[in-house]
Amino acid sequence: MSDKITPILMPKWGLSMSEGTLAAWHVEEGAEISPGDEIMDVETDKIANAVEAADGGLLRRKVGNEGEVYPVRMLLGVMAPSSVTDAEIDTYVSDYEMPEVEEDEDTGPNYEFAELGVGKIRYTERSGEGTPVLLIHGFGGDLDNWLFNIDALSETAPAYALDLPGHGQSVKPADSADLDLMVSAIVQLMDHLNIEQAHLVGHSMGGLIAGQTAISYPSRVASVSLICSAGLGAEINDDYIDGFVGAQSRKELKPKLKYLFADQGLVSRSMVDDLLKYKRLDGVQSFLERLKANLFDNGKQSVSLKDGLKKVDCPKQIIWGEEDAIIPQSHANAIDGATVTVVSGAGHMVQMEESSQVNELIKEIL
């Protein structure tokens, strides 16, 4: 009878996640669940996010309680048809054993470092088949911006994410902070990994970098996916850019981070603390100031991809959060021939807020 029972488990978002808080249930016992339905909210030390059902079925039992912390893969609920008795579900719950961790799986972050011409670059990879996908974060971000995407994308292709120069745990250059540096980092990392051609996925400033890489090195790029991308218009929210760069305290930084999300409750204490720690690293403040001056000074974007990308012969798509408060959604229609998707209920960090939809869109172009 257990083959008719479908468990609902605490998800695992990235190798660094070991536990999560069941913040809220969105469904009641007796509800019929369809694949893709949002069934609960889970909070980690990085971010809160909705959990979507991978399978459909009748929710017969809630096992997890709101507000409690559970390890990944812990049983939180049970779906089963009405033909399964309550006694059988009781037995299933009492006998449930968490899946064993695979030998090659680590509970800590699986990060690698590459010594490149631009300096030391941190990256992470997930194995897969086919042409790789390379994920490029935005201004002030790091590879953990792809926490809800990289594992899902590796089901379709090998997936890589990096910390750009000046970001995360990568080198903090003292002599340059411009678009050429970022493009060089992408191409040099591809060379280091023996990647002849990759699907480039860029968010915000990462979209600008992905697009410019395609323009400068068209033979190295299989497709381009631009997510709330810079480089497609002149306007940008200078209150966010200037505020992020200038913030020196929690009180100053947190209000600026709320621009990132449609659901501003996603700006957690841990997120603010992590970004403050990053901004206090040696070399970061001066690097961000120079990068801002080169790319986003006085509330205007200094680089446009529009003419150059028109000449690049590869599939292109643009994904935008309908409630983006940093770069106007109107920029989404800048590239002739690109497939455009505007995602409702999401802001600038659409790849986090609506990760399942964004993942499916990227998979379609791989």
Protein backbone atom coordinates (compact mmCIF):
# COMPACT_ATOMS: atom_id res chain seq x y z
CA MET A 1 0.00 0.00 0.00
CA SER A 2 2.97 2.34 0.55
CA ASP A 3 3.35 2.67 -3.23
CA LYS A 4 0.13 4.68 -3.18
CA ILE A 5 1.49 7.07 -0.56
CA THR A 6 3.45 10.15 -1.64
CA PRO A 7 5.57 11.92 0.99
CA ILE A 8 6.02 15.69 1.25
CA LEU A 9 9.56 16.40 2.45
CA MET A 10 11.60 19.34 3.67
CA PRO A 11 13.29 20.45 0.42
CA LYS A 12 17.01 20.87 -0.08
CA TRP A 13 17.95 24.09 -1.88
CA GLY A 14 21.63 23.88 -2.68
CA LEU A 15 24.33 21.89 -0.95
CA SER A 16 24.68 24.39 1.89
CA MET A 17 21.14 23.85 3.20
CA SER A 18 20.86 21.33 6.04
CA GLU A 19 17.59 22.41 7.67
CA GLY A 20 14.63 24.75 7.26
CA THR A 21 11.75 26.23 9.20
CA LEU A 22 8.23 25.25 8.15
CA ALA A 23 6.91 28.81 8.22
CA ALA A 24 3.36 28.17 6.99
CA TRP A 25 1.10 25.62 5.34
CA HIS A 26 -0.92 26.85 2.35
CA VAL A 27 -3.12 23.76 2.11
CA GLU A 28 -5.37 21.93 4.55
CA GLU A 29 -5.79 18.23 5.10
CA GLY A 30 -8.30 16.90 2.61
CA ALA A 31 -7.19 19.28 -0.15
CA GLU A 32 -6.52 17.96 -3.64
CA ILE A 33 -3.04 19.10 -4.65
CA SER A 34 -1.84 19.51 -8.25
CA PRO A 35 1.81 19.54 -9.34
CA GLY A 36 3.12 23.10 -9.09
CA ASP A 37 0.72 24.19 -6.34
CA GLU A 38 2.33 26.21 -3.57
CA ILE A 39 1.84 24.02 -0.52
CA MET A 40 3.97 25.64 2.19
CA ASP A 41 6.56 28.31 2.98
CA VAL A 42 10.02 27.31 4.15
CA GLU A 43 12.61 29.64 5.63
CA THR A 44 16.36 29.02 5.58
CA ASP A 45 19.27 31.11 6.83
CA LYS A 46 19.40 32.60 3.31
CA ILE A 47 15.80 33.33 2.32
CA ALA A 48 12.19 32.29 2.66
CA ASN A 49 10.46 30.73 -0.33
CA ALA A 50 7.31 28.88 -1.26
CA VAL A 51 7.54 25.13 -1.84
CA GLU A 52 5.69 23.85 -4.90
CA ALA A 53 4.31 20.33 -5.07
CA ALA A 54 6.32 18.04 -7.32
CA ASP A 55 3.48 15.51 -7.41
CA GLY A 56 -0.29 15.68 -7.16
CA GLY A 57 -2.57 13.92 -4.73
CA LEU A 58 -4.93 14.17 -1.78
CA LEU A 59 -3.33 15.67 1.33
CA ARG A 60 -4.20 13.16 4.04
CA ARG A 61 -1.88 14.18 6.83
CA LYS A 62 0.19 17.16 7.95
CA VAL A 63 3.15 15.84 9.87
CA GLY A 64 5.21 19.01 10.18
CA ASN A 65 4.13 21.86 12.44
CA GLU A 66 4.34 25.54 11.54
CA GLY A 67 7.22 27.34 13.19
CA GLU A 68 9.35 24.25 13.77
CA VAL A 69 12.78 23.53 12.29
CA TYR A 70 13.30 20.27 10.39
CA PRO A 71 16.32 18.71 8.64
CA VAL A 72 16.21 18.39 4.87
CA ARG A 73 14.24 15.38 3.63
CA MET A 74 12.25 15.17 6.87
CA LEU A 75 8.67 13.99 6.37
CA LEU A 76 6.32 16.98 6.57
CA GLY A 77 3.15 15.61 5.02
CA VAL A 78 1.51 12.63 3.36
CA MET A 79 -0.57 12.45 0.18
CA ALA A 80 -2.61 9.35 -0.57
CA PRO A 81 -5.91 8.41 -2.21
CA SER A 82 -8.96 7.96 -0.01
CA SER A 83 -8.69 4.18 -0.43
CA VAL A 84 -5.66 4.24 1.88
CA THR A 85 -6.82 3.91 5.49
CA ASP A 86 -5.82 6.18 8.37
CA ALA A 87 -4.18 3.20 10.04
CA GLU A 88 -1.98 2.65 6.98
CA ILE A 89 -0.95 6.29 7.01
CA ASP A 90 -0.19 6.04 10.74
CA THR A 91 2.09 3.11 10.01
CA TYR A 92 3.78 4.92 7.12
CA VAL A 93 4.49 7.98 9.29
CA SER A 94 5.80 5.96 12.23
CA ASP A 95 8.01 3.79 9.99
CA TYR A 96 9.34 6.63 7.83
CA GLU A 97 13.12 6.73 7.62
CA MET A 98 14.95 9.70 6.15
CA PRO A 99 16.89 8.81 2.98
CA GLU A 100 20.58 8.27 3.60
CA VAL A 101 22.98 10.95 2.37
CA GLU A 102 24.86 9.76 -0.68
CA GLU A 103 28.55 9.19 -0.14
CA ASP A 104 29.59 11.94 -2.52
CA GLU A 105 27.18 14.48 -1.09
CA ASP A 106 28.49 17.03 1.35
CA THR A 107 26.40 18.96 3.85
CA GLY A 108 28.59 22.01 3.29
CA PRO A 109 28.93 24.23 0.21
CA ASN A 110 30.65 22.53 -2.73
CA TYR A 111 32.79 25.44 -3.91
CA GLU A 112 35.84 25.43 -6.16
CA PHE A 113 38.43 28.11 -6.88
CA ALA A 114 40.14 28.85 -10.18
CA GLU A 115 43.33 30.90 -10.54
CA LEU A 116 42.68 32.92 -13.69
CA GLY A 117 44.27 35.88 -15.41
CA VAL A 118 41.78 38.17 -13.67
CA GLY A 119 42.61 36.59 -10.29
CA LYS A 120 41.06 33.95 -8.05
CA ILE A 121 37.43 33.15 -8.92
CA ARG A 122 35.08 31.06 -6.79
CA TYR A 123 32.56 28.87 -8.57
CA THR A 124 30.31 25.88 -8.04
CA GLU A 125 29.22 23.19 -10.46
CA ARG A 126 26.58 20.51 -10.86
CA SER A 127 27.15 17.63 -13.25
CA GLY A 128 24.82 16.95 -16.14
CA GLU A 129 24.66 16.09 -19.83
CA GLY A 130 24.90 18.40 -22.82
CA THR A 131 26.04 21.97 -23.39
CA PRO A 132 26.68 23.64 -20.01
CA VAL A 133 24.75 26.55 -18.58
CA LEU A 134 26.65 29.33 -16.80
CA LEU A 135 24.78 31.48 -14.26
CA ILE A 136 25.96 35.08 -13.81
CA HIS A 137 24.74 37.12 -10.83
CA GLY A 138 24.15 40.84 -10.58
CA PHE A 139 25.65 43.92 -8.89
CA GLY A 140 26.54 43.16 -5.27
CA GLY A 141 25.37 39.53 -5.54
CA ASP A 142 27.14 36.19 -5.54
CA LEU A 143 26.64 32.63 -6.75
CA ASP A 144 24.10 31.95 -3.98
CA ASN A 145 21.67 34.15 -5.94
CA TRP A 146 21.10 30.94 -7.95
CA LEU A 147 20.32 28.82 -4.89
CA PHE A 148 16.87 27.85 -6.21
CA ASN A 149 17.98 27.32 -9.82
CA ILE A 150 21.28 25.52 -10.21
CA ASP A 151 20.17 22.08 -9.03
CA ALA A 152 17.00 22.16 -11.13
CA LEU A 153 18.89 23.26 -14.25
CA SER A 154 21.45 20.47 -13.82
CA GLU A 155 18.64 18.02 -14.59
CA THR A 156 18.93 19.29 -18.18
CA ALA A 157 22.57 20.36 -18.53
CA PRO A 158 25.79 20.77 -16.54
CA ALA A 159 25.33 23.93 -14.48
CA TYR A 160 27.89 26.39 -13.17
CA ALA A 161 27.66 29.58 -11.12
CA LEU A 162 30.46 31.94 -10.13
CA ASP A 163 31.29 34.89 -7.95
CA LEU A 164 32.23 37.70 -10.32
CA PRO A 165 35.40 39.70 -9.61
CA GLY A 166 34.79 42.03 -6.68
CA HIS A 167 31.99 39.83 -5.38
CA GLY A 168 31.53 36.94 -2.98
CA GLN A 169 34.80 35.15 -2.35
CA SER A 170 36.43 36.05 -5.66
CA VAL A 171 39.32 38.45 -6.14
CA LYS A 172 38.76 42.12 -5.24
CA PRO A 173 40.76 43.92 -7.97
CA ALA A 174 42.34 47.23 -7.11
CA ASP A 175 43.05 48.39 -10.65
CA SER A 176 39.88 47.74 -12.65
CA ALA A 177 36.15 47.50 -12.15
CA ASP A 178 34.38 47.54 -15.47
CA LEU A 179 32.50 45.44 -18.00
CA ASP A 180 35.67 44.27 -19.77
CA LEU A 181 36.90 42.73 -16.51
CA MET A 182 33.64 40.84 -16.03
CA VAL A 183 33.53 39.50 -19.59
CA SER A 184 37.16 38.42 -19.29
CA ALA A 185 36.30 36.51 -16.11
CA ILE A 186 33.51 34.61 -17.90
CA VAL A 187 35.66 33.62 -20.88
CA GLN A 188 38.67 32.72 -18.73
CA LEU A 189 36.53 30.53 -16.46
CA MET A 190 35.08 28.77 -19.52
CA ASP A 191 38.62 28.16 -20.76
CA HIS A 192 39.67 26.86 -17.35
CA LEU A 193 36.73 24.43 -17.33
CA ASN A 194 37.29 23.39 -20.96
CA ILE A 195 33.86 24.71 -21.92
CA GLU A 196 33.92 25.52 -25.61
CA GLN A 197 30.36 26.87 -25.67
CA ALA A 198 27.79 27.61 -22.97
CA HIS A 199 24.25 28.82 -22.46
CA LEU A 200 24.65 32.11 -20.57
CA VAL A 201 22.03 33.12 -18.01
CA GLY A 202 22.52 36.55 -16.49
CA HIS A 203 20.56 38.44 -13.85
CA SER A 204 20.58 42.26 -13.72
CA MET A 205 24.22 43.32 -14.23
CA GLY A 206 24.86 39.65 -14.98
CA GLY A 207 22.55 40.00 -17.96
CA LEU A 208 24.66 42.88 -19.23
CA ILE A 209 27.75 40.68 -18.84
CA ALA A 210 26.10 37.71 -20.56
CA GLY A 211 24.95 39.88 -23.46
CA GLN A 212 28.32 41.55 -23.90
CA THR A 213 30.05 38.16 -23.82
CA ALA A 214 27.77 37.01 -26.63
CA ILE A 215 28.57 40.14 -28.63
CA SER A 216 32.33 39.89 -28.12
CA TYR A 217 32.62 36.08 -28.32
CA PRO A 218 29.60 34.87 -30.33
CA SER A 219 31.07 31.43 -31.05
CA ARG A 220 31.32 30.69 -27.31
CA VAL A 221 27.63 31.29 -26.60
CA ALA A 222 24.85 28.79 -27.36
CA SER A 223 22.02 30.99 -26.08
CA VAL A 224 21.41 34.00 -23.88
CA SER A 225 18.79 34.32 -21.14
CA LEU A 226 18.56 37.81 -19.68
CA ILE A 227 16.71 38.15 -16.36
CA CYS A 228 15.69 41.70 -15.32
CA SER A 229 18.78 42.66 -17.26
CA ALA A 230 20.86 45.77 -17.33
CA GLY A 231 21.95 47.02 -20.74
CA LEU A 232 18.49 47.16 -22.33
CA GLY A 233 17.60 50.76 -21.51
CA ALA A 234 18.91 53.87 -19.79
CA GLU A 235 16.90 54.00 -16.57
CA ILE A 236 17.89 52.33 -13.30
CA ASN A 237 16.85 52.97 -9.71
CA ASP A 238 19.66 55.16 -8.39
CA ASP A 239 18.18 55.14 -4.88
CA TYR A 240 18.87 51.42 -4.79
CA ILE A 241 22.30 51.54 -6.45
CA ASP A 242 23.57 54.53 -4.45
CA GLY A 243 21.93 53.26 -1.28
CA PHE A 244 23.39 49.78 -1.59
CA VAL A 245 26.89 51.08 -2.24
CA GLY A 246 26.75 53.73 0.48
CA ALA A 247 25.04 51.70 3.24
CA GLN A 248 27.26 51.04 6.25
CA SER A 249 24.71 49.72 8.74
CA ARG A 250 21.69 47.47 8.99
CA LYS A 251 19.44 50.52 9.33
CA GLU A 252 20.77 51.95 6.07
CA LEU A 253 20.93 48.72 4.06
CA LYS A 254 17.67 46.92 4.83
CA PRO A 255 15.33 49.53 3.27
CA LYS A 256 17.34 49.41 0.04
CA LEU A 257 17.17 45.60 -0.19
CA LYS A 258 13.38 45.77 -0.14
CA TYR A 259 13.55 47.07 -3.70
CA LEU A 260 14.70 43.59 -4.74
CA PHE A 261 11.50 41.68 -4.01
CA ALA A 262 7.80 41.97 -4.67
CA ASP A 263 7.35 40.29 -1.27
CA GLN A 264 9.49 42.54 0.91
CA GLY A 265 9.19 40.09 3.79
CA LEU A 266 11.85 38.01 2.01
CA VAL A 267 14.51 40.44 3.20
CA SER A 268 15.68 38.44 6.21
CA ARG A 269 18.04 39.43 9.01
CA SER A 270 20.54 36.88 7.70
CA MET A 271 20.45 38.41 4.21
CA VAL A 272 21.21 41.86 5.59
CA ASP A 273 23.99 40.52 7.82
CA ASP A 274 25.61 38.56 4.98
CA LEU A 275 25.66 41.59 2.68
CA LEU A 276 27.09 43.84 5.40
CA LYS A 277 29.87 41.30 6.01
CA TYR A 278 30.60 41.27 2.28
CA LYS A 279 30.66 45.06 2.03
CA ARG A 280 33.16 45.25 4.91
CA LEU A 281 35.72 42.98 3.21
CA ASP A 282 38.95 44.66 2.17
CA GLY A 283 38.66 46.17 -1.27
CA VAL A 284 34.91 45.74 -1.71
CA GLN A 285 33.77 49.29 -1.00
CA SER A 286 36.17 50.93 -3.43
CA PHE A 287 35.46 48.26 -6.05
CA LEU A 288 31.68 48.81 -5.87
CA GLU A 289 32.12 52.57 -6.07
CA ARG A 290 34.26 52.25 -9.22
CA LEU A 291 31.95 49.69 -10.79
CA LYS A 292 28.92 51.90 -10.12
CA ALA A 293 30.70 54.89 -11.64
CA ASN A 294 31.55 52.89 -14.77
CA LEU A 295 28.15 51.26 -15.32
CA PHE A 296 25.35 52.99 -13.38
CA ASP A 297 26.38 56.53 -12.53
CA ASN A 298 23.77 59.20 -11.75
CA GLY A 299 20.84 56.84 -12.25
CA LYS A 300 21.72 56.04 -15.87
CA GLN A 301 23.07 52.91 -17.49
CA SER A 302 26.15 53.67 -19.55
CA VAL A 303 26.21 50.52 -21.74
CA SER A 304 23.58 49.34 -24.21
CA LEU A 305 23.35 45.82 -25.62
CA LYS A 306 20.56 46.53 -28.07
CA ASP A 307 22.47 47.06 -31.30
CA GLY A 308 25.12 44.44 -30.60
CA LEU A 309 22.75 41.65 -29.59
CA LYS A 310 20.68 42.09 -32.74
CA LYS A 311 23.69 40.83 -34.71
CA VAL A 312 24.29 37.75 -32.54
CA ASP A 313 22.82 34.63 -34.13
CA CYS A 314 21.73 32.53 -31.14
CA PRO A 315 18.46 31.99 -29.26
CA LYS A 316 17.68 34.84 -26.90
CA GLN A 317 15.09 35.18 -24.20
CA ILE A 318 14.23 37.89 -21.72
CA ILE A 319 12.56 37.19 -18.37
CA TRP A 320 11.27 39.98 -16.15
CA GLY A 321 9.54 40.31 -12.82
CA GLU A 322 6.36 42.30 -13.34
CA GLU A 323 6.97 44.27 -10.12
CA ASP A 324 10.67 44.99 -10.69
CA ALA A 325 11.47 48.18 -8.76
CA ILE A 326 15.09 48.49 -9.90
CA ILE A 327 15.06 48.23 -13.71
CA PRO A 328 11.81 49.10 -15.55
CA GLN A 329 9.87 46.18 -16.98
CA SER A 330 9.46 48.20 -20.19
CA HIS A 331 13.08 47.32 -21.02
CA ALA A 332 12.02 43.71 -21.61
CA ASN A 333 11.02 44.45 -25.21
CA ALA A 334 14.34 45.97 -26.24
CA ILE A 335 15.74 43.09 -28.33
CA ASP A 336 14.01 42.22 -31.59
CA GLY A 337 13.52 38.48 -32.00
CA ALA A 338 13.96 37.63 -28.32
CA THR A 339 11.30 35.60 -26.52
CA VAL A 340 9.87 37.72 -23.69
CA THR A 341 8.17 36.48 -20.53
CA VAL A 342 6.92 38.78 -17.78
CA VAL A 343 6.38 36.90 -14.52
CA SER A 344 3.57 38.14 -12.29
CA GLY A 345 3.97 38.34 -8.53
CA ALA A 346 7.74 38.79 -8.71
CA GLY A 347 10.20 41.63 -8.46
CA HIS A 348 13.82 42.09 -9.45
CA MET A 349 14.92 38.76 -7.90
CA VAL A 350 12.40 36.82 -9.99
CA GLN A 351 14.70 33.78 -10.17
CA MET A 352 14.24 33.44 -6.40
CA GLU A 353 10.62 34.52 -5.99
CA GLU A 354 9.28 32.43 -8.87
CA SER A 355 12.10 29.96 -9.29
CA SER A 356 10.06 27.09 -10.75
CA GLN A 357 8.71 29.18 -13.61
CA VAL A 358 12.11 30.71 -14.33
CA ASN A 359 13.76 27.28 -14.26
CA GLU A 360 11.29 25.92 -16.79
CA LEU A 361 11.84 28.90 -19.09
CA ILE A 362 15.61 28.40 -18.98
CA LYS A 363 15.27 24.65 -19.54
CA GLU A 364 13.23 25.32 -22.68
CA ILE A 365 16.08 27.23 -24.27
CA LEU A 366 18.86 24.82 -23.25
